[in-house]
C-alpha atoms as a PDB file:
ATOM      1  CA  MET A   1      30.285 234.302  32.176  1.00  0.00           C
ATOM      2  CA  GLU A   2      31.937 237.799  31.524  1.00  0.00           C
ATOM      3  CA  SER A   3      28.576 239.467  31.163  1.00  0.00           C
ATOM      4  CA  GLY A   4      27.474 237.882  34.453  1.00  0.00           C
ATOM      5  CA  LEU A   5      30.649 239.249  36.108  1.00  0.00           C
ATOM      6  CA  LYS A   6      30.005 242.665  34.750  1.00  0.00           C
ATOM      7  CA  ALA A   7      26.435 242.681  36.068  1.00  0.00           C
ATOM      8  CA  ILE A   8      27.747 241.636  39.480  1.00  0.00           C
ATOM      9  CA  THR A   9      30.491 244.407  39.456  1.00  0.00           C
ATOM     10  CA  SER A  10      27.848 247.057  38.454  1.00  0.00           C
ATOM     11  CA  SER A  11      25.564 245.984  41.307  1.00  0.00           C
ATOM     12  CA  VAL A  12      28.451 245.931  43.730  1.00  0.00           C
ATOM     13  CA  ASN A  13      29.550 249.440  42.607  1.00  0.00           C
ATOM     14  CA  ALA A  14      25.975 250.661  42.990  1.00  0.00           C
ATOM     15  CA  GLU A  15      25.794 249.399  46.512  1.00  0.00           C
ATOM     16  CA  LEU A  16      29.088 250.970  47.405  1.00  0.00           C
ATOM     17  CA  LYS A  17      27.996 254.273  46.042  1.00  0.00           C
ATOM     18  CA  GLU A  18      24.751 254.197  48.062  1.00  0.00           C
ATOM     19  CA  ASP A  19      26.688 253.757  51.522  1.00  0.00           C
ATOM     20  CA  GLU A  20      30.450 253.713  51.263  1.00  0.00           C
ATOM     21  CA  THR A  21      30.878 253.119  54.916  1.00  0.00           C
ATOM     22  CA  GLY A  22      28.237 250.892  56.464  1.00  0.00           C
ATOM     23  CA  SER A  23      27.409 248.530  53.652  1.00  0.00           C
ATOM     24  CA  ASN A  24      31.030 247.309  52.844  1.00  0.00           C
ATOM     25  CA  HIS A  25      31.027 244.649  55.553  1.00  0.00           C
ATOM     26  CA  ASN A  26      27.588 243.382  54.562  1.00  0.00           C
ATOM     27  CA  LEU A  27      28.694 243.358  50.955  1.00  0.00           C
ATOM     28  CA  LEU A  28      31.780 241.206  51.847  1.00  0.00           C
ATOM     29  CA  GLU A  29      29.509 238.775  53.623  1.00  0.00           C
ATOM     30  CA  LYS A  30      27.098 238.648  50.668  1.00  0.00           C
ATOM     31  CA  LEU A  31      29.909 237.904  48.164  1.00  0.00           C
ATOM     32  CA  GLN A  32      31.373 235.205  50.432  1.00  0.00           C
ATOM     33  CA  GLU A  33      27.904 233.411  50.723  1.00  0.00           C
ATOM     34  CA  SER A  34      27.400 233.187  46.875  1.00  0.00           C
END
Protein backbone atom coordinates (compact mmCIF):
# COMPACT_ATOMS: atom_id res chain seq x y z
CA MET A 1 0.00 0.00 0.00
CA GLU A 2 2.74 2.45 0.91
CA SER A 3 4.51 1.93 -2.41
CA GLY A 4 1.21 2.57 -4.18
CA LEU A 5 0.82 5.84 -2.33
CA LYS A 6 4.35 6.85 -3.30
CA ALA A 7 3.57 6.14 -6.95
CA ILE A 8 0.41 8.25 -6.76
CA THR A 9 2.29 11.05 -5.03
CA SER A 10 5.05 11.11 -7.63
CA SER A 11 2.57 11.17 -10.51
CA VAL A 12 0.63 13.97 -8.81
CA ASN A 13 3.83 15.95 -8.29
CA ALA A 14 4.77 15.44 -11.95
CA GLU A 15 1.41 16.76 -13.10
CA LEU A 16 1.66 19.76 -10.79
CA LYS A 17 5.10 20.59 -12.20
CA GLU A 18 3.76 20.39 -15.76
CA ASP A 19 1.07 22.99 -15.16
CA GLU A 20 0.89 24.55 -11.72
CA THR A 21 -2.13 26.69 -12.61
CA GLY A 22 -4.58 24.98 -14.95
CA SER A 23 -4.33 21.34 -13.93
CA ASN A 24 -4.86 21.77 -10.19
CA HIS A 25 -8.65 21.68 -10.47
CA ASN A 26 -8.65 18.74 -12.87
CA LEU A 27 -6.22 16.92 -10.60
CA LEU A 28 -8.52 17.37 -7.61
CA GLU A 29 -11.44 16.01 -9.62
CA LYS A 30 -9.36 13.01 -10.66
CA LEU A 31 -8.41 12.25 -7.06
CA GLN A 32 -12.01 12.52 -5.87
CA GLU A 33 -13.21 10.09 -8.56
CA SER A 34 -10.80 7.33 -7.58
